[in-house]
Every structure is written in structure tokens, then in C-alpha cells.
Amino acid sequence: MKVNYEQIVKAHQDNPNEGKNQVSDE
């Protein structure tokens, strides 16, 4: 799980604009 979360954090750091296209909680 630690490795997976590190990969997710690294992916967000490499693509800072990726979060803008995420779907809503609804």
C-alpha cells in the first residue's frame, strides 16, 4: 500500500493539472 500511495503522489506531482479533470464525489 505504501508503494502504491507513493506512486499516486508522484503521479500527482508530475501532473499538477490532472486533478482538475477528476470526477466529483457525487
mmCIF file of all heavy atoms, coordinates in Angstrom:
data_MODEL
# 
_entry.id   MODEL 
# 
loop_
_atom_site.group_PDB 
_atom_site.id 
_atom_site.type_symbol 
_atom_site.label_atom_id 
_atom_site.label_alt_id 
_atom_site.label_comp_id 
_atom_site.label_asym_id 
_atom_site.label_entity_id 
_atom_site.label_seq_id 
_atom_site.pdbx_PDB_ins_code 
_atom_site.Cartn_x 
_atom_site.Cartn_y 
_atom_site.Cartn_z 
_atom_site.occupancy 
_atom_site.B_iso_or_equiv 
_atom_site.pdbx_formal_charge 
_atom_site.auth_seq_id 
_atom_site.auth_comp_id 
_atom_site.auth_asym_id 
_atom_site.auth_atom_id 
_atom_site.pdbx_PDB_model_num 
ATOM 1   N N   . MET A 1 1  ? 0.832   -1.205 0.000   1.00 0.00 ? 1  MET A N   1 
ATOM 2   C CA  . MET A 1 1  ? 0.000   0.000  0.000   1.00 0.00 ? 1  MET A CA  1 
ATOM 3   C C   . MET A 1 1  ? 0.865   1.253  0.000   1.00 0.00 ? 1  MET A C   1 
ATOM 4   O O   . MET A 1 1  ? 0.550   2.241  -0.687  1.00 0.00 ? 1  MET A O   1 
ATOM 5   C CB  . MET A 1 1  ? -0.911  -0.010 1.230   1.00 0.00 ? 1  MET A CB  1 
ATOM 6   C CG  . MET A 1 1  ? -1.963  -1.106 1.197   1.00 0.00 ? 1  MET A CG  1 
ATOM 7   S SD  . MET A 1 1  ? -2.916  -1.201 2.730   1.00 0.00 ? 1  MET A SD  1 
ATOM 8   C CE  . MET A 1 1  ? -3.696  0.414  2.723   1.00 0.00 ? 1  MET A CE  1 
ATOM 9   N N   . LYS A 1 2  ? 1.954   1.227  0.732   1.00 0.00 ? 2  LYS A N   1 
ATOM 10  C CA  . LYS A 1 2  ? 2.858   2.372  0.771   1.00 0.00 ? 2  LYS A CA  1 
ATOM 11  C C   . LYS A 1 2  ? 3.426   2.665  -0.610  1.00 0.00 ? 2  LYS A C   1 
ATOM 12  O O   . LYS A 1 2  ? 3.482   3.827  -1.067  1.00 0.00 ? 2  LYS A O   1 
ATOM 13  C CB  . LYS A 1 2  ? 3.988   2.097  1.765   1.00 0.00 ? 2  LYS A CB  1 
ATOM 14  C CG  . LYS A 1 2  ? 5.045   3.195  1.858   1.00 0.00 ? 2  LYS A CG  1 
ATOM 15  C CD  . LYS A 1 2  ? 6.055   2.840  2.922   1.00 0.00 ? 2  LYS A CD  1 
ATOM 16  C CE  . LYS A 1 2  ? 7.182   3.875  2.982   1.00 0.00 ? 2  LYS A CE  1 
ATOM 17  N NZ  . LYS A 1 2  ? 8.030   3.832  1.787   1.00 0.00 ? 2  LYS A NZ  1 
ATOM 18  N N   . VAL A 1 3  ? 3.852   1.597  -1.299  1.00 0.00 ? 3  VAL A N   1 
ATOM 19  C CA  . VAL A 1 3  ? 4.389   1.782  -2.646  1.00 0.00 ? 3  VAL A CA  1 
ATOM 20  C C   . VAL A 1 3  ? 3.328   2.355  -3.585  1.00 0.00 ? 3  VAL A C   1 
ATOM 21  O O   . VAL A 1 3  ? 3.601   3.266  -4.383  1.00 0.00 ? 3  VAL A O   1 
ATOM 22  C CB  . VAL A 1 3  ? 4.932   0.440  -3.181  1.00 0.00 ? 3  VAL A CB  1 
ATOM 23  C CG1 . VAL A 1 3  ? 5.322   0.577  -4.654  1.00 0.00 ? 3  VAL A CG1 1 
ATOM 24  C CG2 . VAL A 1 3  ? 6.132   -0.009 -2.362  1.00 0.00 ? 3  VAL A CG2 1 
ATOM 25  N N   . ASN A 1 4  ? 2.083   1.849  -3.482  1.00 0.00 ? 4  ASN A N   1 
ATOM 26  C CA  . ASN A 1 4  ? 1.013   2.348  -4.344  1.00 0.00 ? 4  ASN A CA  1 
ATOM 27  C C   . ASN A 1 4  ? 0.717   3.828  -4.082  1.00 0.00 ? 4  ASN A C   1 
ATOM 28  O O   . ASN A 1 4  ? 0.539   4.617  -5.015  1.00 0.00 ? 4  ASN A O   1 
ATOM 29  C CB  . ASN A 1 4  ? -0.250  1.521  -4.137  1.00 0.00 ? 4  ASN A CB  1 
ATOM 30  C CG  . ASN A 1 4  ? -0.095  0.099  -4.665  1.00 0.00 ? 4  ASN A CG  1 
ATOM 31  O OD1 . ASN A 1 4  ? 0.677   -0.142 -5.592  1.00 0.00 ? 4  ASN A OD1 1 
ATOM 32  N ND2 . ASN A 1 4  ? -0.822  -0.838 -4.078  1.00 0.00 ? 4  ASN A ND2 1 
ATOM 33  N N   . TYR A 1 5  ? 0.647   4.198  -2.811  1.00 0.00 ? 5  TYR A N   1 
ATOM 34  C CA  . TYR A 1 5  ? 0.391   5.607  -2.490  1.00 0.00 ? 5  TYR A CA  1 
ATOM 35  C C   . TYR A 1 5  ? 1.542   6.508  -2.911  1.00 0.00 ? 5  TYR A C   1 
ATOM 36  O O   . TYR A 1 5  ? 1.331   7.646  -3.347  1.00 0.00 ? 5  TYR A O   1 
ATOM 37  C CB  . TYR A 1 5  ? 0.113   5.764  -0.993  1.00 0.00 ? 5  TYR A CB  1 
ATOM 38  C CG  . TYR A 1 5  ? -1.309  5.452  -0.610  1.00 0.00 ? 5  TYR A CG  1 
ATOM 39  C CD1 . TYR A 1 5  ? -1.605  4.339  0.154   1.00 0.00 ? 5  TYR A CD1 1 
ATOM 40  C CD2 . TYR A 1 5  ? -2.363  6.269  -1.033  1.00 0.00 ? 5  TYR A CD2 1 
ATOM 41  C CE1 . TYR A 1 5  ? -2.915  4.034  0.492   1.00 0.00 ? 5  TYR A CE1 1 
ATOM 42  C CE2 . TYR A 1 5  ? -3.667  5.970  -0.690  1.00 0.00 ? 5  TYR A CE2 1 
ATOM 43  C CZ  . TYR A 1 5  ? -3.944  4.855  0.076   1.00 0.00 ? 5  TYR A CZ  1 
ATOM 44  O OH  . TYR A 1 5  ? -5.237  4.567  0.415   1.00 0.00 ? 5  TYR A OH  1 
ATOM 45  N N   . GLU A 1 6  ? 2.755   6.010  -2.796  1.00 0.00 ? 6  GLU A N   1 
ATOM 46  C CA  . GLU A 1 6  ? 3.895   6.802  -3.265  1.00 0.00 ? 6  GLU A CA  1 
ATOM 47  C C   . GLU A 1 6  ? 3.808   7.025  -4.772  1.00 0.00 ? 6  GLU A C   1 
ATOM 48  O O   . GLU A 1 6  ? 4.134   8.123  -5.270  1.00 0.00 ? 6  GLU A O   1 
ATOM 49  C CB  . GLU A 1 6  ? 5.200   6.093  -2.900  1.00 0.00 ? 6  GLU A CB  1 
ATOM 50  C CG  . GLU A 1 6  ? 5.537   6.146  -1.413  1.00 0.00 ? 6  GLU A CG  1 
ATOM 51  C CD  . GLU A 1 6  ? 6.792   5.370  -1.076  1.00 0.00 ? 6  GLU A CD  1 
ATOM 52  O OE1 . GLU A 1 6  ? 7.262   4.605  -1.973  1.00 0.00 ? 6  GLU A OE1 1 
ATOM 53  O OE2 . GLU A 1 6  ? 7.292   5.490  0.053   1.00 0.00 ? 6  GLU A OE2 1 
ATOM 54  N N   . GLN A 1 7  ? 3.365   6.000  -5.494  1.00 0.00 ? 7  GLN A N   1 
ATOM 55  C CA  . GLN A 1 7  ? 3.204   6.158  -6.938  1.00 0.00 ? 7  GLN A CA  1 
ATOM 56  C C   . GLN A 1 7  ? 2.095   7.162  -7.263  1.00 0.00 ? 7  GLN A C   1 
ATOM 57  O O   . GLN A 1 7  ? 2.224   7.966  -8.203  1.00 0.00 ? 7  GLN A O   1 
ATOM 58  C CB  . GLN A 1 7  ? 2.903   4.806  -7.573  1.00 0.00 ? 7  GLN A CB  1 
ATOM 59  C CG  . GLN A 1 7  ? 4.072   3.832  -7.521  1.00 0.00 ? 7  GLN A CG  1 
ATOM 60  C CD  . GLN A 1 7  ? 3.716   2.481  -8.089  1.00 0.00 ? 7  GLN A CD  1 
ATOM 61  O OE1 . GLN A 1 7  ? 2.558   2.214  -8.414  1.00 0.00 ? 7  GLN A OE1 1 
ATOM 62  N NE2 . GLN A 1 7  ? 4.705   1.595  -8.209  1.00 0.00 ? 7  GLN A NE2 1 
ATOM 63  N N   . ILE A 1 8  ? 1.008   7.141  -6.495  1.00 0.00 ? 8  ILE A N   1 
ATOM 64  C CA  . ILE A 1 8  ? -0.087  8.095  -6.721  1.00 0.00 ? 8  ILE A CA  1 
ATOM 65  C C   . ILE A 1 8  ? 0.385   9.526  -6.448  1.00 0.00 ? 8  ILE A C   1 
ATOM 66  O O   . ILE A 1 8  ? 0.109   10.455 -7.233  1.00 0.00 ? 8  ILE A O   1 
ATOM 67  C CB  . ILE A 1 8  ? -1.287  7.744  -5.819  1.00 0.00 ? 8  ILE A CB  1 
ATOM 68  C CG1 . ILE A 1 8  ? -1.895  6.418  -6.263  1.00 0.00 ? 8  ILE A CG1 1 
ATOM 69  C CG2 . ILE A 1 8  ? -2.334  8.853  -5.855  1.00 0.00 ? 8  ILE A CG2 1 
ATOM 70  C CD1 . ILE A 1 8  ? -2.989  5.910  -5.341  1.00 0.00 ? 8  ILE A CD1 1 
ATOM 71  N N   . VAL A 1 9  ? 1.108   9.718  -5.339  1.00 0.00 ? 9  VAL A N   1 
ATOM 72  C CA  . VAL A 1 9  ? 1.618   11.050 -5.010  1.00 0.00 ? 9  VAL A CA  1 
ATOM 73  C C   . VAL A 1 9  ? 2.583   11.528 -6.081  1.00 0.00 ? 9  VAL A C   1 
ATOM 74  O O   . VAL A 1 9  ? 2.551   12.691 -6.506  1.00 0.00 ? 9  VAL A O   1 
ATOM 75  C CB  . VAL A 1 9  ? 2.306   11.021 -3.635  1.00 0.00 ? 9  VAL A CB  1 
ATOM 76  C CG1 . VAL A 1 9  ? 3.036   12.337 -3.373  1.00 0.00 ? 9  VAL A CG1 1 
ATOM 77  C CG2 . VAL A 1 9  ? 1.286   10.763 -2.533  1.00 0.00 ? 9  VAL A CG2 1 
ATOM 78  N N   . LYS A 1 10 ? 3.434   10.639 -6.555  1.00 0.00 ? 10 LYS A N   1 
ATOM 79  C CA  . LYS A 1 10 ? 4.394   11.012 -7.590  1.00 0.00 ? 10 LYS A CA  1 
ATOM 80  C C   . LYS A 1 10 ? 3.671   11.384 -8.882  1.00 0.00 ? 10 LYS A C   1 
ATOM 81  O O   . LYS A 1 10 ? 4.053   12.340 -9.586  1.00 0.00 ? 10 LYS A O   1 
ATOM 82  C CB  . LYS A 1 10 ? 5.355   9.859  -7.835  1.00 0.00 ? 10 LYS A CB  1 
ATOM 83  C CG  . LYS A 1 10 ? 6.494   10.196 -8.808  1.00 0.00 ? 10 LYS A CG  1 
ATOM 84  C CD  . LYS A 1 10 ? 7.461   9.041  -8.905  1.00 0.00 ? 10 LYS A CD  1 
ATOM 85  C CE  . LYS A 1 10 ? 8.628   9.393  -9.818  1.00 0.00 ? 10 LYS A CE  1 
ATOM 86  N NZ  . LYS A 1 10 ? 8.214   9.790  -11.172 1.00 0.00 ? 10 LYS A NZ  1 
ATOM 87  N N   . ALA A 1 11 ? 2.599   10.627 -9.199  1.00 0.00 ? 11 ALA A N   1 
ATOM 88  C CA  . ALA A 1 11 ? 1.841   10.942 -10.410 1.00 0.00 ? 11 ALA A CA  1 
ATOM 89  C C   . ALA A 1 11 ? 1.184   12.315 -10.305 1.00 0.00 ? 11 ALA A C   1 
ATOM 90  O O   . ALA A 1 11 ? 1.155   13.089 -11.284 1.00 0.00 ? 11 ALA A O   1 
ATOM 91  C CB  . ALA A 1 11 ? 0.787   9.869  -10.650 1.00 0.00 ? 11 ALA A CB  1 
ATOM 92  N N   . HIS A 1 12 ? 0.659   12.667 -9.123  1.00 0.00 ? 12 HIS A N   1 
ATOM 93  C CA  . HIS A 1 12 ? 0.065   13.998 -8.943  1.00 0.00 ? 12 HIS A CA  1 
ATOM 94  C C   . HIS A 1 12 ? 1.121   15.092 -9.013  1.00 0.00 ? 12 HIS A C   1 
ATOM 95  O O   . HIS A 1 12 ? 0.861   16.184 -9.536  1.00 0.00 ? 12 HIS A O   1 
ATOM 96  C CB  . HIS A 1 12 ? -0.653  14.062 -7.595  1.00 0.00 ? 12 HIS A CB  1 
ATOM 97  C CG  . HIS A 1 12 ? -1.990  13.380 -7.604  1.00 0.00 ? 12 HIS A CG  1 
ATOM 98  N ND1 . HIS A 1 12 ? -3.079  13.839 -8.313  1.00 0.00 ? 12 HIS A ND1 1 
ATOM 99  C CD2 . HIS A 1 12 ? -2.406  12.245 -6.994  1.00 0.00 ? 12 HIS A CD2 1 
ATOM 100 C CE1 . HIS A 1 12 ? -4.107  13.039 -8.130  1.00 0.00 ? 12 HIS A CE1 1 
ATOM 101 N NE2 . HIS A 1 12 ? -3.728  12.048 -7.340  1.00 0.00 ? 12 HIS A NE2 1 
ATOM 102 N N   . GLN A 1 13 ? 2.293   14.808 -8.503  1.00 0.00 ? 13 GLN A N   1 
ATOM 103 C CA  . GLN A 1 13 ? 3.355   15.810 -8.569  1.00 0.00 ? 13 GLN A CA  1 
ATOM 104 C C   . GLN A 1 13 ? 3.842   16.012 -9.996  1.00 0.00 ? 13 GLN A C   1 
ATOM 105 O O   . GLN A 1 13 ? 4.166   17.139 -10.393 1.00 0.00 ? 13 GLN A O   1 
ATOM 106 C CB  . GLN A 1 13 ? 4.518   15.374 -7.667  1.00 0.00 ? 13 GLN A CB  1 
ATOM 107 C CG  . GLN A 1 13 ? 4.187   15.431 -6.187  1.00 0.00 ? 13 GLN A CG  1 
ATOM 108 C CD  . GLN A 1 13 ? 5.312   14.899 -5.322  1.00 0.00 ? 13 GLN A CD  1 
ATOM 109 O OE1 . GLN A 1 13 ? 6.278   14.316 -5.849  1.00 0.00 ? 13 GLN A OE1 1 
ATOM 110 N NE2 . GLN A 1 13 ? 5.203   15.088 -4.008  1.00 0.00 ? 13 GLN A NE2 1 
ATOM 111 N N   . ASP A 1 14 ? 3.896   14.926 -10.775 1.00 0.00 ? 14 ASP A N   1 
ATOM 112 C CA  . ASP A 1 14 ? 4.333   15.061 -12.166 1.00 0.00 ? 14 ASP A CA  1 
ATOM 113 C C   . ASP A 1 14 ? 3.266   15.727 -13.026 1.00 0.00 ? 14 ASP A C   1 
ATOM 114 O O   . ASP A 1 14 ? 3.594   16.400 -14.017 1.00 0.00 ? 14 ASP A O   1 
ATOM 115 C CB  . ASP A 1 14 ? 4.668   13.676 -12.727 1.00 0.00 ? 14 ASP A CB  1 
ATOM 116 C CG  . ASP A 1 14 ? 5.862   13.061 -12.019 1.00 0.00 ? 14 ASP A CG  1 
ATOM 117 O OD1 . ASP A 1 14 ? 6.638   13.814 -11.389 1.00 0.00 ? 14 ASP A OD1 1 
ATOM 118 O OD2 . ASP A 1 14 ? 6.010   11.816 -12.065 1.00 0.00 ? 14 ASP A OD2 1 
ATOM 119 N N   . ASN A 1 15 ? 1.980   15.580 -12.721 1.00 0.00 ? 15 ASN A N   1 
ATOM 120 C CA  . ASN A 1 15 ? 0.884   16.185 -13.493 1.00 0.00 ? 15 ASN A CA  1 
ATOM 121 C C   . ASN A 1 15 ? -0.013  16.998 -12.556 1.00 0.00 ? 15 ASN A C   1 
ATOM 122 O O   . ASN A 1 15 ? -1.046  16.533 -12.093 1.00 0.00 ? 15 ASN A O   1 
ATOM 123 C CB  . ASN A 1 15 ? 0.054   15.102 -14.180 1.00 0.00 ? 15 ASN A CB  1 
ATOM 124 C CG  . ASN A 1 15 ? 0.894   14.272 -15.141 1.00 0.00 ? 15 ASN A CG  1 
ATOM 125 O OD1 . ASN A 1 15 ? 1.557   14.806 -16.023 1.00 0.00 ? 15 ASN A OD1 1 
ATOM 126 N ND2 . ASN A 1 15 ? 0.869   12.950 -14.959 1.00 0.00 ? 15 ASN A ND2 1 
ATOM 127 N N   . PRO A 1 16 ? 0.394   18.200 -12.226 1.00 0.00 ? 16 PRO A N   1 
ATOM 128 C CA  . PRO A 1 16 ? -0.385  19.012 -11.277 1.00 0.00 ? 16 PRO A CA  1 
ATOM 129 C C   . PRO A 1 16 ? -1.771  19.375 -11.795 1.00 0.00 ? 16 PRO A C   1 
ATOM 130 O O   . PRO A 1 16 ? -2.675  19.641 -11.009 1.00 0.00 ? 16 PRO A O   1 
ATOM 131 C CB  . PRO A 1 16 ? 0.475   20.264 -11.084 1.00 0.00 ? 16 PRO A CB  1 
ATOM 132 C CG  . PRO A 1 16 ? 1.354   20.323 -12.287 1.00 0.00 ? 16 PRO A CG  1 
ATOM 133 C CD  . PRO A 1 16 ? 1.600   18.898 -12.709 1.00 0.00 ? 16 PRO A CD  1 
ATOM 134 N N   . ASN A 1 17 ? -1.989  19.401 -13.096 1.00 0.00 ? 17 ASN A N   1 
ATOM 135 C CA  . ASN A 1 17 ? -3.296  19.782 -13.657 1.00 0.00 ? 17 ASN A CA  1 
ATOM 136 C C   . ASN A 1 17 ? -4.257  18.599 -13.789 1.00 0.00 ? 17 ASN A C   1 
ATOM 137 O O   . ASN A 1 17 ? -5.395  18.773 -14.229 1.00 0.00 ? 17 ASN A O   1 
ATOM 138 C CB  . ASN A 1 17 ? -3.107  20.419 -15.041 1.00 0.00 ? 17 ASN A CB  1 
ATOM 139 C CG  . ASN A 1 17 ? -2.309  21.710 -14.957 1.00 0.00 ? 17 ASN A CG  1 
ATOM 140 O OD1 . ASN A 1 17 ? -2.432  22.457 -13.982 1.00 0.00 ? 17 ASN A OD1 1 
ATOM 141 N ND2 . ASN A 1 17 ? -1.488  21.986 -15.981 1.00 0.00 ? 17 ASN A ND2 1 
ATOM 142 N N   . GLU A 1 18 ? -3.792  17.412 -13.416 1.00 0.00 ? 18 GLU A N   1 
ATOM 143 C CA  . GLU A 1 18 ? -4.630  16.230 -13.582 1.00 0.00 ? 18 GLU A CA  1 
ATOM 144 C C   . GLU A 1 18 ? -5.821  16.265 -12.636 1.00 0.00 ? 18 GLU A C   1 
ATOM 145 O O   . GLU A 1 18 ? -6.908  15.783 -12.958 1.00 0.00 ? 18 GLU A O   1 
ATOM 146 C CB  . GLU A 1 18 ? -3.804  14.968 -13.337 1.00 0.00 ? 18 GLU A CB  1 
ATOM 147 C CG  . GLU A 1 18 ? -4.559  13.677 -13.572 1.00 0.00 ? 18 GLU A CG  1 
ATOM 148 C CD  . GLU A 1 18 ? -3.710  12.452 -13.333 1.00 0.00 ? 18 GLU A CD  1 
ATOM 149 O OE1 . GLU A 1 18 ? -2.523  12.613 -12.999 1.00 0.00 ? 18 GLU A OE1 1 
ATOM 150 O OE2 . GLU A 1 18 ? -4.237  11.336 -13.497 1.00 0.00 ? 18 GLU A OE2 1 
ATOM 151 N N   . GLY A 1 19 ? -5.677  16.881 -11.497 1.00 0.00 ? 19 GLY A N   1 
ATOM 152 C CA  . GLY A 1 19 ? -6.765  16.914 -10.530 1.00 0.00 ? 19 GLY A CA  1 
ATOM 153 C C   . GLY A 1 19 ? -7.955  17.727 -10.994 1.00 0.00 ? 19 GLY A C   1 
ATOM 154 O O   . GLY A 1 19 ? -9.069  17.531 -10.498 1.00 0.00 ? 19 GLY A O   1 
ATOM 155 N N   . LYS A 1 20 ? -7.762  18.608 -11.893 1.00 0.00 ? 20 LYS A N   1 
ATOM 156 C CA  . LYS A 1 20 ? -8.872  19.443 -12.364 1.00 0.00 ? 20 LYS A CA  1 
ATOM 157 C C   . LYS A 1 20 ? -9.904  18.632 -13.136 1.00 0.00 ? 20 LYS A C   1 
ATOM 158 O O   . LYS A 1 20 ? -11.068 19.006 -13.190 1.00 0.00 ? 20 LYS A O   1 
ATOM 159 C CB  . LYS A 1 20 ? -8.333  20.556 -13.253 1.00 0.00 ? 20 LYS A CB  1 
ATOM 160 C CG  . LYS A 1 20 ? -7.398  21.506 -12.520 1.00 0.00 ? 20 LYS A CG  1 
ATOM 161 C CD  . LYS A 1 20 ? -6.897  22.592 -13.452 1.00 0.00 ? 20 LYS A CD  1 
ATOM 162 C CE  . LYS A 1 20 ? -5.941  23.548 -12.736 1.00 0.00 ? 20 LYS A CE  1 
ATOM 163 N NZ  . LYS A 1 20 ? -5.428  24.608 -13.626 1.00 0.00 ? 20 LYS A NZ  1 
ATOM 164 N N   . ASN A 1 21 ? -9.488  17.535 -13.738 1.00 0.00 ? 21 ASN A N   1 
ATOM 165 C CA  . ASN A 1 21 ? -10.405 16.735 -14.552 1.00 0.00 ? 21 ASN A CA  1 
ATOM 166 C C   . ASN A 1 21 ? -11.020 15.562 -13.777 1.00 0.00 ? 21 ASN A C   1 
ATOM 167 O O   . ASN A 1 21 ? -11.682 14.718 -14.372 1.00 0.00 ? 21 ASN A O   1 
ATOM 168 C CB  . ASN A 1 21 ? -9.659  16.176 -15.775 1.00 0.00 ? 21 ASN A CB  1 
ATOM 169 C CG  . ASN A 1 21 ? -9.140  17.285 -16.671 1.00 0.00 ? 21 ASN A CG  1 
ATOM 170 O OD1 . ASN A 1 21 ? -9.796  18.326 -16.815 1.00 0.00 ? 21 ASN A OD1 1 
ATOM 171 N ND2 . ASN A 1 21 ? -7.969  17.078 -17.263 1.00 0.00 ? 21 ASN A ND2 1 
ATOM 172 N N   . GLN A 1 22 ? -10.775 15.500 -12.448 1.00 0.00 ? 22 GLN A N   1 
ATOM 173 C CA  . GLN A 1 22 ? -11.317 14.408 -11.663 1.00 0.00 ? 22 GLN A CA  1 
ATOM 174 C C   . GLN A 1 22 ? -12.817 14.575 -11.481 1.00 0.00 ? 22 GLN A C   1 
ATOM 175 O O   . GLN A 1 22 ? -13.348 15.692 -11.442 1.00 0.00 ? 22 GLN A O   1 
ATOM 176 C CB  . GLN A 1 22 ? -10.635 14.353 -10.283 1.00 0.00 ? 22 GLN A CB  1 
ATOM 177 C CG  . GLN A 1 22 ? -9.178  13.921 -10.340 1.00 0.00 ? 22 GLN A CG  1 
ATOM 178 C CD  . GLN A 1 22 ? -8.572  13.822 -8.952  1.00 0.00 ? 22 GLN A CD  1 
ATOM 179 O OE1 . GLN A 1 22 ? -9.206  14.209 -7.975  1.00 0.00 ? 22 GLN A OE1 1 
ATOM 180 N NE2 . GLN A 1 22 ? -7.355  13.318 -8.885  1.00 0.00 ? 22 GLN A NE2 1 
ATOM 181 N N   . VAL A 1 23 ? -13.502 13.409 -11.354 1.00 0.00 ? 23 VAL A N   1 
ATOM 182 C CA  . VAL A 1 23 ? -14.960 13.430 -11.168 1.00 0.00 ? 23 VAL A CA  1 
ATOM 183 C C   . VAL A 1 23 ? -15.279 13.840 -9.745  1.00 0.00 ? 23 VAL A C   1 
ATOM 184 O O   . VAL A 1 23 ? -14.460 13.732 -8.826  1.00 0.00 ? 23 VAL A O   1 
ATOM 185 C CB  . VAL A 1 23 ? -15.563 12.047 -11.463 1.00 0.00 ? 23 VAL A CB  1 
ATOM 186 C CG1 . VAL A 1 23 ? -15.329 11.663 -12.908 1.00 0.00 ? 23 VAL A CG1 1 
ATOM 187 C CG2 . VAL A 1 23 ? -14.958 11.008 -10.536 1.00 0.00 ? 23 VAL A CG2 1 
ATOM 188 N N   . SER A 1 24 ? -16.487 14.271 -9.534  1.00 0.00 ? 24 SER A N   1 
ATOM 189 C CA  . SER A 1 24 ? -16.913 14.751 -8.227  1.00 0.00 ? 24 SER A CA  1 
ATOM 190 C C   . SER A 1 24 ? -17.233 13.567 -7.311  1.00 0.00 ? 24 SER A C   1 
ATOM 191 O O   . SER A 1 24 ? -17.381 12.425 -7.747  1.00 0.00 ? 24 SER A O   1 
ATOM 192 C CB  . SER A 1 24 ? -18.130 15.649 -8.357  1.00 0.00 ? 24 SER A CB  1 
ATOM 193 O OG  . SER A 1 24 ? -19.218 14.899 -8.900  1.00 0.00 ? 24 SER A OG  1 
ATOM 194 N N   . ASP A 1 25 ? -17.373 13.893 -6.024  1.00 0.00 ? 25 ASP A N   1 
ATOM 195 C CA  . ASP A 1 25 ? -17.731 12.860 -5.057  1.00 0.00 ? 25 ASP A CA  1 
ATOM 196 C C   . ASP A 1 25 ? -19.130 12.312 -5.314  1.00 0.00 ? 25 ASP A C   1 
ATOM 197 O O   . ASP A 1 25 ? -19.405 11.141 -5.034  1.00 0.00 ? 25 ASP A O   1 
ATOM 198 C CB  . ASP A 1 25 ? -17.661 13.436 -3.632  1.00 0.00 ? 25 ASP A CB  1 
ATOM 199 C CG  . ASP A 1 25 ? -16.233 13.764 -3.226  1.00 0.00 ? 25 ASP A CG  1 
ATOM 200 O OD1 . ASP A 1 25 ? -15.299 13.188 -3.822  1.00 0.00 ? 25 ASP A OD1 1 
ATOM 201 O OD2 . ASP A 1 25 ? -16.055 14.595 -2.311  1.00 0.00 ? 25 ASP A OD2 1 
ATOM 202 N N   . GLU A 1 26 ? -20.011 13.137 -5.865  1.00 0.00 ? 26 GLU A N   1 
ATOM 203 C CA  . GLU A 1 26 ? -21.374 12.670 -6.163  1.00 0.00 ? 26 GLU A CA  1 
ATOM 204 C C   . GLU A 1 26 ? -21.356 11.579 -7.224  1.00 0.00 ? 26 GLU A C   1 
ATOM 205 O O   . GLU A 1 26 ? -22.089 10.583 -7.124  1.00 0.00 ? 26 GLU A O   1 
ATOM 206 C CB  . GLU A 1 26 ? -22.233 13.851 -6.624  1.00 0.00 ? 26 GLU A CB  1 
ATOM 207 C CG  . GLU A 1 26 ? -23.676 13.484 -6.896  1.00 0.00 ? 26 GLU A CG  1 
ATOM 208 C CD  . GLU A 1 26 ? -24.510 14.678 -7.328  1.00 0.00 ? 26 GLU A CD  1 
ATOM 209 O OE1 . GLU A 1 26 ? -23.953 15.789 -7.409  1.00 0.00 ? 26 GLU A OE1 1 
ATOM 210 O OE2 . GLU A 1 26 ? -25.716 14.481 -7.591  1.00 0.00 ? 26 GLU A OE2 1 
# 
